[in-house]
Amino acid sequence: MSFFKTTMLLGLMTGLLMVIGGLLGGSRGVVIFFVIAAVMNFFSYWFSDKIVLRAYGAQELDAASAPELYSIVNELAHSAAIPMPRLYLIDSDTPNAFATGRNTHHAAVAVTRGIMRICTREELKGVIGHELSHVTNHDILTSSIAATMAGAVMMIGTMVRWGAIFGLGGRDNEEGGLPGLLVAGILAPIAATLIQLAISRTREYQADASGAALTHNPLYLASALRKLEAANERLPMDASPATAHLFIVNPLSAKGMSRLFSTHPPIEERIHRLEQMSSGQIGQG
């Protein structure tokens, strides 16, 4: 299923870029953007994790630099029967975390300085259990590729809009022309949003349940989620909308109408489900 979703995402991205290329330059634009898409697909598959980690200035940690966190990750990775993932620190006071990589043998977990400061050992176990469940559930590749692609599409959209503003589209009767620039400039950010929405909210519920089973205590994660939601509301993270879906809680403001387009399910519902698991009302994992 993970391979199918990844293939579909790569195909969708290729198709969208070819449409944008056609609007900009007709048949010639389709060919050019097909080549761009092929290069993007290659780099997204092999290097999406490195791109995301570098975007947040993540620094690798080891047992010496973060002994408690390292021991938690090592313990849970052993319980999950997966190799110890690489561990990274993001220098941000906003508490959050994400997992990335293309498979269980090339996985990484990144945490912010803020989450290490405000969470207890048990709460950190809940968070790490959730992130390792993304690894074992095989959805980190799709999420990492989506982040890379959404960022690229948003960048293309920005370039196209500036091109339209400065009249780089040429005459209206040429292939593409100014109308093509305007349409493509509007289409690109919409395409990035669609890529974001393709990352189903259900994966967060699944990772919550699997993480609860891994740590044997759903309330560890429930307690952490309460702290993370409150802290992110007070101090939103300087995060890119293209990568927001990677984090355990939405690092961006998700109020009003924007909640309808959030890649994360409501925190209160996630906590409610975890509490039901703890009381035995619903099964774990």
C-alpha atoms as a PDB file:
ATOM      1  CA  MET A   1       0.000   0.000   0.000  1.00  0.00           C
ATOM      2  CA  SER A   2       2.849   2.406   0.858  1.00  0.00           C
ATOM      3  CA  PHE A   3       4.512   1.712  -2.522  1.00  0.00           C
ATOM      4  CA  PHE A   4       1.189   2.318  -4.291  1.00  0.00           C
ATOM      5  CA  LYS A   5       0.609   5.647  -2.501  1.00  0.00           C
ATOM      6  CA  THR A   6       4.151   6.789  -3.233  1.00  0.00           C
ATOM      7  CA  THR A   7       3.835   5.868  -6.915  1.00  0.00           C
ATOM      8  CA  MET A   8       0.505   7.677  -7.150  1.00  0.00           C
ATOM      9  CA  LEU A   9       1.996  10.776  -5.528  1.00  0.00           C
ATOM     10  CA  LEU A  10       4.964  10.808  -7.903  1.00  0.00           C
ATOM     11  CA  GLY A  11       2.624  10.354 -10.869  1.00  0.00           C
ATOM     12  CA  LEU A  12       0.319  13.130  -9.682  1.00  0.00           C
ATOM     13  CA  MET A  13       3.240  15.474  -9.249  1.00  0.00           C
ATOM     14  CA  THR A  14       4.516  14.718 -12.746  1.00  0.00           C
ATOM     15  CA  GLY A  15       1.083  15.311 -14.258  1.00  0.00           C
ATOM     16  CA  LEU A  16       0.575  18.612 -12.428  1.00  0.00           C
ATOM     17  CA  LEU A  17       3.958  19.948 -13.494  1.00  0.00           C
ATOM     18  CA  MET A  18       3.281  18.953 -17.109  1.00  0.00           C
ATOM     19  CA  VAL A  19      -0.026  20.844 -16.979  1.00  0.00           C
ATOM     20  CA  ILE A  20       1.768  23.916 -15.652  1.00  0.00           C
ATOM     21  CA  GLY A  21       4.403  23.513 -18.377  1.00  0.00           C
ATOM     22  CA  GLY A  22       1.680  23.322 -21.023  1.00  0.00           C
ATOM     23  CA  LEU A  23       0.086  26.518 -19.739  1.00  0.00           C
ATOM     24  CA  LEU A  24       3.427  28.300 -19.834  1.00  0.00           C
ATOM     25  CA  GLY A  25       4.896  27.062 -23.078  1.00  0.00           C
ATOM     26  CA  GLY A  26       2.579  24.702 -24.912  1.00  0.00           C
ATOM     27  CA  SER A  27       4.070  21.397 -26.085  1.00  0.00           C
ATOM     28  CA  ARG A  28       7.593  22.619 -25.500  1.00  0.00           C
ATOM     29  CA  GLY A  29       6.687  23.537 -21.926  1.00  0.00           C
ATOM     30  CA  VAL A  30       5.226  20.058 -21.356  1.00  0.00           C
ATOM     31  CA  VAL A  31       8.518  18.448 -22.345  1.00  0.00           C
ATOM     32  CA  ILE A  32      10.603  20.840 -20.212  1.00  0.00           C
ATOM     33  CA  PHE A  33       8.445  20.353 -17.132  1.00  0.00           C
ATOM     34  CA  PHE A  34       8.390  16.588 -17.651  1.00  0.00           C
ATOM     35  CA  VAL A  35      12.183  16.628 -17.377  1.00  0.00           C
ATOM     36  CA  ILE A  36      11.941  18.854 -14.287  1.00  0.00           C
ATOM     37  CA  ALA A  37       9.415  16.444 -12.757  1.00  0.00           C
ATOM     38  CA  ALA A  38      11.638  13.441 -13.475  1.00  0.00           C
ATOM     39  CA  VAL A  39      14.587  15.110 -11.731  1.00  0.00           C
ATOM     40  CA  MET A  40      12.373  16.137  -8.800  1.00  0.00           C
ATOM     41  CA  ASN A  41      10.999  12.616  -8.466  1.00  0.00           C
ATOM     42  CA  PHE A  42      14.511  11.158  -8.359  1.00  0.00           C
ATOM     43  CA  PHE A  43      15.779  13.572  -5.734  1.00  0.00           C
ATOM     44  CA  SER A  44      12.551  13.361  -3.714  1.00  0.00           C
ATOM     45  CA  TYR A  45      12.789   9.581  -3.469  1.00  0.00           C
ATOM     46  CA  TRP A  46      16.457   9.388  -2.536  1.00  0.00           C
ATOM     47  CA  PHE A  47      17.096  12.644  -0.692  1.00  0.00           C
ATOM     48  CA  SER A  48      13.771  13.934   0.696  1.00  0.00           C
ATOM     49  CA  ASP A  49      14.818  13.184   4.284  1.00  0.00           C
ATOM     50  CA  LYS A  50      18.099  15.070   3.931  1.00  0.00           C
ATOM     51  CA  ILE A  51      16.317  18.009   2.277  1.00  0.00           C
ATOM     52  CA  VAL A  52      13.781  18.309   5.103  1.00  0.00           C
ATOM     53  CA  LEU A  53      16.365  17.931   7.864  1.00  0.00           C
ATOM     54  CA  ARG A  54      18.627  20.511   6.269  1.00  0.00           C
ATOM     55  CA  ALA A  55      15.707  22.918   5.859  1.00  0.00           C
ATOM     56  CA  TYR A  56      15.322  22.982   9.646  1.00  0.00           C
ATOM     57  CA  GLY A  57      19.040  23.055  10.382  1.00  0.00           C
ATOM     58  CA  ALA A  58      18.781  19.743  12.230  1.00  0.00           C
ATOM     59  CA  GLN A  59      21.950  18.565  13.965  1.00  0.00           C
ATOM     60  CA  GLU A  60      22.598  14.864  14.529  1.00  0.00           C
ATOM     61  CA  LEU A  61      22.614  13.585  18.097  1.00  0.00           C
ATOM     62  CA  ASP A  62      24.331  10.571  19.617  1.00  0.00           C
ATOM     63  CA  ALA A  63      24.344   8.756  22.958  1.00  0.00           C
ATOM     64  CA  ALA A  64      26.898  11.182  24.354  1.00  0.00           C
ATOM     65  CA  SER A  65      25.116  14.404  23.425  1.00  0.00           C
ATOM     66  CA  ALA A  66      21.569  13.300  24.373  1.00  0.00           C
ATOM     67  CA  PRO A  67      21.842  10.183  26.562  1.00  0.00           C
ATOM     68  CA  GLU A  68      18.242  10.059  27.872  1.00  0.00           C
ATOM     69  CA  LEU A  69      16.597  10.724  24.526  1.00  0.00           C
ATOM     70  CA  TYR A  70      18.945   8.317  22.775  1.00  0.00           C
ATOM     71  CA  SER A  71      18.124   5.573  25.264  1.00  0.00           C
ATOM     72  CA  ILE A  72      14.381   6.114  24.765  1.00  0.00           C
ATOM     73  CA  VAL A  73      14.684   5.872  20.982  1.00  0.00           C
ATOM     74  CA  ASN A  74      16.981   2.862  21.192  1.00  0.00           C
ATOM     75  CA  GLU A  75      14.661   1.053  23.618  1.00  0.00           C
ATOM     76  CA  LEU A  76      11.531   1.643  21.537  1.00  0.00           C
ATOM     77  CA  ALA A  77      13.270   0.844  18.253  1.00  0.00           C
ATOM     78  CA  HIS A  78      14.345  -2.479  19.758  1.00  0.00           C
ATOM     79  CA  SER A  79      10.762  -3.140  20.900  1.00  0.00           C
ATOM     80  CA  ALA A  80       9.482  -2.291  17.418  1.00  0.00           C
ATOM     81  CA  ALA A  81      12.093  -4.620  15.846  1.00  0.00           C
ATOM     82  CA  ILE A  82      13.546  -1.915  13.600  1.00  0.00           C
ATOM     83  CA  PRO A  83      17.095  -0.532  13.332  1.00  0.00           C
ATOM     84  CA  MET A  84      17.954   2.431  15.520  1.00  0.00           C
ATOM     85  CA  PRO A  85      17.012   5.506  13.443  1.00  0.00           C
ATOM     86  CA  ARG A  86      19.279   8.518  13.182  1.00  0.00           C
ATOM     87  CA  LEU A  87      18.404  11.124  15.805  1.00  0.00           C
ATOM     88  CA  TYR A  88      18.397  14.888  15.175  1.00  0.00           C
ATOM     89  CA  LEU A  89      17.859  18.096  17.160  1.00  0.00           C
ATOM     90  CA  ILE A  90      16.114  21.176  15.751  1.00  0.00           C
ATOM     91  CA  ASP A  91      17.109  24.378  17.530  1.00  0.00           C
ATOM     92  CA  SER A  92      13.597  25.678  18.223  1.00  0.00           C
ATOM     93  CA  ASP A  93      11.880  26.469  21.509  1.00  0.00           C
ATOM     94  CA  THR A  94       8.548  25.287  20.081  1.00  0.00           C
ATOM     95  CA  PRO A  95       8.009  21.662  21.165  1.00  0.00           C
ATOM     96  CA  ASN A  96       7.491  19.329  18.224  1.00  0.00           C
ATOM     97  CA  ALA A  97       8.916  16.283  16.453  1.00  0.00           C
ATOM     98  CA  PHE A  98       8.763  14.356  13.185  1.00  0.00           C
ATOM     99  CA  ALA A  99      10.078  11.228  11.485  1.00  0.00           C
ATOM    100  CA  THR A 100      11.419  11.081   7.958  1.00  0.00           C
ATOM    101  CA  GLY A 101      13.261   8.722   5.617  1.00  0.00           C
ATOM    102  CA  ARG A 102      12.466   6.235   2.863  1.00  0.00           C
ATOM    103  CA  ASN A 103      12.289   2.994   4.883  1.00  0.00           C
ATOM    104  CA  THR A 104      13.023   1.424   8.267  1.00  0.00           C
ATOM    105  CA  HIS A 105      16.732   1.139   7.418  1.00  0.00           C
ATOM    106  CA  HIS A 106      17.002   4.797   6.381  1.00  0.00           C
ATOM    107  CA  ALA A 107      14.830   6.519   8.976  1.00  0.00           C
ATOM    108  CA  ALA A 108      15.437   9.591  11.096  1.00  0.00           C
ATOM    109  CA  VAL A 109      13.638  11.147  14.034  1.00  0.00           C
ATOM    110  CA  ALA A 110      13.963  14.876  14.673  1.00  0.00           C
ATOM    111  CA  VAL A 111      12.918  16.629  17.879  1.00  0.00           C
ATOM    112  CA  THR A 112      13.021  20.280  18.835  1.00  0.00           C
ATOM    113  CA  ARG A 113      14.884  21.647  21.802  1.00  0.00           C
ATOM    114  CA  GLY A 114      11.532  22.775  23.174  1.00  0.00           C
ATOM    115  CA  ILE A 115      10.054  19.286  23.382  1.00  0.00           C
ATOM    116  CA  MET A 116      13.063  18.040  25.334  1.00  0.00           C
ATOM    117  CA  ARG A 117      12.640  20.933  27.749  1.00  0.00           C
ATOM    118  CA  ILE A 118       8.937  20.606  28.602  1.00  0.00           C
ATOM    119  CA  CYS A 119       8.236  16.866  28.307  1.00  0.00           C
ATOM    120  CA  THR A 120       8.888  14.237  30.956  1.00  0.00           C
ATOM    121  CA  ARG A 121      10.612  10.969  30.093  1.00  0.00           C
ATOM    122  CA  GLU A 122       7.231   9.227  29.860  1.00  0.00           C
ATOM    123  CA  GLU A 123       5.826  11.937  27.562  1.00  0.00           C
ATOM    124  CA  LEU A 124       8.927  11.731  25.369  1.00  0.00           C
ATOM    125  CA  LYS A 125       8.375   7.973  25.146  1.00  0.00           C
ATOM    126  CA  GLY A 126       4.840   8.655  23.948  1.00  0.00           C
ATOM    127  CA  VAL A 127       6.073  11.070  21.273  1.00  0.00           C
ATOM    128  CA  ILE A 128       8.911   8.807  20.110  1.00  0.00           C
ATOM    129  CA  GLY A 129       6.552   5.820  20.065  1.00  0.00           C
ATOM    130  CA  HIS A 130       4.271   7.791  17.754  1.00  0.00           C
ATOM    131  CA  GLU A 131       7.113   8.771  15.433  1.00  0.00           C
ATOM    132  CA  LEU A 132       8.563   5.266  15.280  1.00  0.00           C
ATOM    133  CA  SER A 133       5.079   4.026  14.422  1.00  0.00           C
ATOM    134  CA  HIS A 134       5.182   6.238  11.347  1.00  0.00           C
ATOM    135  CA  VAL A 135       8.352   4.339  10.457  1.00  0.00           C
ATOM    136  CA  THR A 136       6.881   0.875  11.099  1.00  0.00           C
ATOM    137  CA  ASN A 137       3.625   1.830   9.358  1.00  0.00           C
ATOM    138  CA  HIS A 138       5.690   2.662   6.248  1.00  0.00           C
ATOM    139  CA  ASP A 139       4.252   6.124   5.658  1.00  0.00           C
ATOM    140  CA  ILE A 140       7.376   8.241   6.235  1.00  0.00           C
ATOM    141  CA  LEU A 141       8.475   7.975   2.589  1.00  0.00           C
ATOM    142  CA  THR A 142       5.154   9.303   1.277  1.00  0.00           C
ATOM    143  CA  SER A 143       5.192  12.128   3.839  1.00  0.00           C
ATOM    144  CA  SER A 144       8.802  13.067   3.095  1.00  0.00           C
ATOM    145  CA  ILE A 145       8.247  13.102  -0.666  1.00  0.00           C
ATOM    146  CA  ALA A 146       5.092  15.179  -0.230  1.00  0.00           C
ATOM    147  CA  ALA A 147       7.027  17.741   1.808  1.00  0.00           C
ATOM    148  CA  THR A 148       9.743  18.062  -0.824  1.00  0.00           C
ATOM    149  CA  MET A 149       7.290  18.254  -3.710  1.00  0.00           C
ATOM    150  CA  ALA A 150       4.940  20.701  -2.041  1.00  0.00           C
ATOM    151  CA  GLY A 151       7.869  22.997  -1.305  1.00  0.00           C
ATOM    152  CA  ALA A 152       9.076  22.809  -4.904  1.00  0.00           C
ATOM    153  CA  VAL A 153       5.611  23.473  -6.325  1.00  0.00           C
ATOM    154  CA  MET A 154       5.111  26.467  -4.033  1.00  0.00           C
ATOM    155  CA  MET A 155       8.481  27.836  -5.163  1.00  0.00           C
ATOM    156  CA  ILE A 156       7.541  27.364  -8.815  1.00  0.00           C
ATOM    157  CA  GLY A 157       4.229  29.099  -8.162  1.00  0.00           C
ATOM    158  CA  THR A 158       6.006  32.076  -6.612  1.00  0.00           C
ATOM    159  CA  MET A 159       8.396  32.348  -9.587  1.00  0.00           C
ATOM    160  CA  VAL A 160       5.528  32.131 -12.045  1.00  0.00           C
ATOM    161  CA  ARG A 161       3.519  34.845 -10.273  1.00  0.00           C
ATOM    162  CA  TRP A 162       6.513  37.172 -10.252  1.00  0.00           C
ATOM    163  CA  GLY A 163       6.994  36.389 -13.929  1.00  0.00           C
ATOM    164  CA  ALA A 164       3.404  37.416 -14.612  1.00  0.00           C
ATOM    165  CA  ILE A 165       3.837  40.644 -12.632  1.00  0.00           C
ATOM    166  CA  PHE A 166       6.910  41.645 -14.644  1.00  0.00           C
ATOM    167  CA  GLY A 167       5.395  40.602 -17.970  1.00  0.00           C
ATOM    168  CA  LEU A 168       7.686  37.665 -18.676  1.00  0.00           C
ATOM    169  CA  GLY A 169       4.919  35.697 -20.336  1.00  0.00           C
ATOM    170  CA  GLY A 170       5.298  37.374 -23.682  1.00  0.00           C
ATOM    171  CA  ARG A 171       2.353  38.308 -25.916  1.00  0.00           C
ATOM    172  CA  ASP A 172      -1.048  36.786 -25.226  1.00  0.00           C
ATOM    173  CA  ASN A 173      -1.178  35.145 -28.652  1.00  0.00           C
ATOM    174  CA  GLU A 174       2.035  33.198 -28.062  1.00  0.00           C
ATOM    175  CA  GLU A 175       2.036  29.728 -26.525  1.00  0.00           C
ATOM    176  CA  GLY A 176       1.192  30.203 -22.875  1.00  0.00           C
ATOM    177  CA  GLY A 177       1.779  33.911 -22.696  1.00  0.00           C
ATOM    178  CA  LEU A 178       0.545  36.087 -19.852  1.00  0.00           C
ATOM    179  CA  PRO A 179      -2.756  34.168 -19.385  1.00  0.00           C
ATOM    180  CA  GLY A 180      -0.768  30.954 -19.028  1.00  0.00           C
ATOM    181  CA  LEU A 181       1.472  32.548 -16.410  1.00  0.00           C
ATOM    182  CA  LEU A 182      -1.505  33.785 -14.431  1.00  0.00           C
ATOM    183  CA  VAL A 183      -3.309  30.427 -14.526  1.00  0.00           C
ATOM    184  CA  ALA A 184      -0.142  28.505 -13.669  1.00  0.00           C
ATOM    185  CA  GLY A 185       0.626  30.925 -10.832  1.00  0.00           C
ATOM    186  CA  ILE A 186      -2.787  30.177  -9.352  1.00  0.00           C
ATOM    187  CA  LEU A 187      -2.653  26.442 -10.090  1.00  0.00           C
ATOM    188  CA  ALA A 188       0.741  25.807  -8.482  1.00  0.00           C
ATOM    189  CA  PRO A 189      -0.177  26.697  -4.871  1.00  0.00           C
ATOM    190  CA  ILE A 190      -3.485  24.856  -5.264  1.00  0.00           C
ATOM    191  CA  ALA A 191      -1.535  21.798  -6.404  1.00  0.00           C
ATOM    192  CA  ALA A 192       0.724  22.105  -3.350  1.00  0.00           C
ATOM    193  CA  THR A 193      -2.364  22.195  -1.128  1.00  0.00           C
ATOM    194  CA  LEU A 194      -3.766  19.103  -2.819  1.00  0.00           C
ATOM    195  CA  ILE A 195      -0.488  17.294  -2.206  1.00  0.00           C
ATOM    196  CA  GLN A 196      -0.771  18.218   1.465  1.00  0.00           C
ATOM    197  CA  LEU A 197      -4.354  16.980   1.662  1.00  0.00           C
ATOM    198  CA  ALA A 198      -3.313  13.717   0.018  1.00  0.00           C
ATOM    199  CA  ILE A 199      -1.555  12.907   3.280  1.00  0.00           C
ATOM    200  CA  SER A 200      -4.506  11.380   5.075  1.00  0.00           C
ATOM    201  CA  ARG A 201      -5.301  12.471   8.609  1.00  0.00           C
ATOM    202  CA  THR A 202      -5.944   8.824   9.414  1.00  0.00           C
ATOM    203  CA  ARG A 203      -2.194   8.161   9.482  1.00  0.00           C
ATOM    204  CA  GLU A 204      -1.966  10.267  12.668  1.00  0.00           C
ATOM    205  CA  TYR A 205      -4.671   8.209  14.377  1.00  0.00           C
ATOM    206  CA  GLN A 206      -2.893   5.023  13.259  1.00  0.00           C
ATOM    207  CA  ALA A 207       0.453   6.247  14.579  1.00  0.00           C
ATOM    208  CA  ASP A 208      -1.193   7.266  17.874  1.00  0.00           C
ATOM    209  CA  ALA A 209      -2.665   3.781  18.294  1.00  0.00           C
ATOM    210  CA  SER A 210       0.507   1.964  17.249  1.00  0.00           C
ATOM    211  CA  GLY A 211       2.639   4.209  19.450  1.00  0.00           C
ATOM    212  CA  ALA A 212       0.355   3.560  22.430  1.00  0.00           C
ATOM    213  CA  ALA A 213       0.763  -0.179  21.893  1.00  0.00           C
ATOM    214  CA  LEU A 214       4.534   0.220  21.617  1.00  0.00           C
ATOM    215  CA  THR A 215       4.862   2.147  24.888  1.00  0.00           C
ATOM    216  CA  HIS A 216       2.111   0.123  26.640  1.00  0.00           C
ATOM    217  CA  ASN A 217       0.566   3.345  27.959  1.00  0.00           C
ATOM    218  CA  PRO A 218      -1.635   5.588  25.767  1.00  0.00           C
ATOM    219  CA  LEU A 219      -1.653   8.299  28.429  1.00  0.00           C
ATOM    220  CA  TYR A 220       2.045   9.042  27.839  1.00  0.00           C
ATOM    221  CA  LEU A 221       1.207  10.427  24.407  1.00  0.00           C
ATOM    222  CA  ALA A 222      -2.083  11.991  25.526  1.00  0.00           C
ATOM    223  CA  SER A 223      -0.234  14.022  28.156  1.00  0.00           C
ATOM    224  CA  ALA A 224       2.426  15.077  25.646  1.00  0.00           C
ATOM    225  CA  LEU A 225      -0.180  16.165  23.089  1.00  0.00           C
ATOM    226  CA  ARG A 226      -1.841  18.460  25.639  1.00  0.00           C
ATOM    227  CA  LYS A 227       1.476  20.178  26.347  1.00  0.00           C
ATOM    228  CA  LEU A 228       2.430  20.401  22.685  1.00  0.00           C
ATOM    229  CA  GLU A 229      -0.886  21.903  21.605  1.00  0.00           C
ATOM    230  CA  ALA A 230      -0.790  24.578  24.302  1.00  0.00           C
ATOM    231  CA  ALA A 231       2.842  25.451  23.575  1.00  0.00           C
ATOM    232  CA  ASN A 232       2.348  25.616  19.794  1.00  0.00           C
ATOM    233  CA  GLU A 233      -0.608  27.965  20.248  1.00  0.00           C
ATOM    234  CA  ARG A 234       1.518  30.281  22.395  1.00  0.00           C
ATOM    235  CA  LEU A 235       4.647  30.003  20.263  1.00  0.00           C
ATOM    236  CA  PRO A 236       3.936  28.854  16.685  1.00  0.00           C
ATOM    237  CA  MET A 237       6.950  27.338  14.998  1.00  0.00           C
ATOM    238  CA  ASP A 238       8.714  29.012  12.093  1.00  0.00           C
ATOM    239  CA  ALA A 239       7.821  26.102   9.824  1.00  0.00           C
ATOM    240  CA  SER A 240       7.070  25.832   6.132  1.00  0.00           C
ATOM    241  CA  PRO A 241       3.457  24.965   5.201  1.00  0.00           C
ATOM    242  CA  ALA A 242       4.961  22.386   2.825  1.00  0.00           C
ATOM    243  CA  THR A 243       6.352  20.377   5.727  1.00  0.00           C
ATOM    244  CA  ALA A 244       3.686  21.011   8.375  1.00  0.00           C
ATOM    245  CA  HIS A 245       2.164  17.541   7.893  1.00  0.00           C
ATOM    246  CA  LEU A 246       5.391  15.876   9.045  1.00  0.00           C
ATOM    247  CA  PHE A 247       5.159  17.121  12.635  1.00  0.00           C
ATOM    248  CA  ILE A 248       3.352  15.312  15.443  1.00  0.00           C
ATOM    249  CA  VAL A 249       1.215  18.427  16.014  1.00  0.00           C
ATOM    250  CA  ASN A 250       0.489  21.153  13.490  1.00  0.00           C
ATOM    251  CA  PRO A 251       3.280  23.746  13.904  1.00  0.00           C
ATOM    252  CA  LEU A 252       1.156  26.394  12.174  1.00  0.00           C
ATOM    253  CA  SER A 253      -1.956  28.194  13.293  1.00  0.00           C
ATOM    254  CA  ALA A 254      -5.010  26.043  12.538  1.00  0.00           C
ATOM    255  CA  LYS A 255      -7.955  28.155  13.581  1.00  0.00           C
ATOM    256  CA  GLY A 256     -11.249  28.942  11.911  1.00  0.00           C
ATOM    257  CA  MET A 257     -11.570  27.889   8.257  1.00  0.00           C
ATOM    258  CA  SER A 258      -7.915  26.816   8.123  1.00  0.00           C
ATOM    259  CA  ARG A 259      -8.782  23.842  10.345  1.00  0.00           C
ATOM    260  CA  LEU A 260     -10.786  22.387   7.458  1.00  0.00           C
ATOM    261  CA  PHE A 261      -7.571  22.122   5.455  1.00  0.00           C
ATOM    262  CA  SER A 262      -5.305  20.976   8.270  1.00  0.00           C
ATOM    263  CA  THR A 263      -3.288  17.820   7.650  1.00  0.00           C
ATOM    264  CA  HIS A 264      -3.695  16.944  11.338  1.00  0.00           C
ATOM    265  CA  PRO A 265      -6.850  15.702  13.043  1.00  0.00           C
ATOM    266  CA  PRO A 266      -8.076  17.708  16.070  1.00  0.00           C
ATOM    267  CA  ILE A 267      -5.861  17.225  19.116  1.00  0.00           C
ATOM    268  CA  GLU A 268      -8.874  16.841  21.398  1.00  0.00           C
ATOM    269  CA  GLU A 269     -10.122  13.900  19.328  1.00  0.00           C
ATOM    270  CA  ARG A 270      -6.684  12.274  19.354  1.00  0.00           C
ATOM    271  CA  ILE A 271      -6.493  12.629  23.139  1.00  0.00           C
ATOM    272  CA  HIS A 272     -10.034  11.275  23.524  1.00  0.00           C
ATOM    273  CA  ARG A 273      -9.146   8.169  21.524  1.00  0.00           C
ATOM    274  CA  LEU A 274      -5.984   7.622  23.549  1.00  0.00           C
ATOM    275  CA  GLU A 275      -7.945   7.907  26.778  1.00  0.00           C
ATOM    276  CA  GLN A 276     -10.432   5.348  25.460  1.00  0.00           C
ATOM    277  CA  MET A 277      -7.544   3.007  24.705  1.00  0.00           C
ATOM    278  CA  SER A 278      -6.249   3.460  28.241  1.00  0.00           C
ATOM    279  CA  SER A 279      -9.642   2.602  29.724  1.00  0.00           C
ATOM    280  CA  GLY A 280      -9.982  -0.422  27.448  1.00  0.00           C
ATOM    281  CA  GLN A 281     -12.962   0.955  25.508  1.00  0.00           C
ATOM    282  CA  ILE A 282     -11.113   0.522  22.211  1.00  0.00           C
ATOM    283  CA  GLY A 283      -8.173  -1.703  21.334  1.00  0.00           C
ATOM    284  CA  GLN A 284      -4.575  -0.582  20.923  1.00  0.00           C
ATOM    285  CA  GLY A 285      -2.635  -0.844  17.661  1.00  0.00           C
END
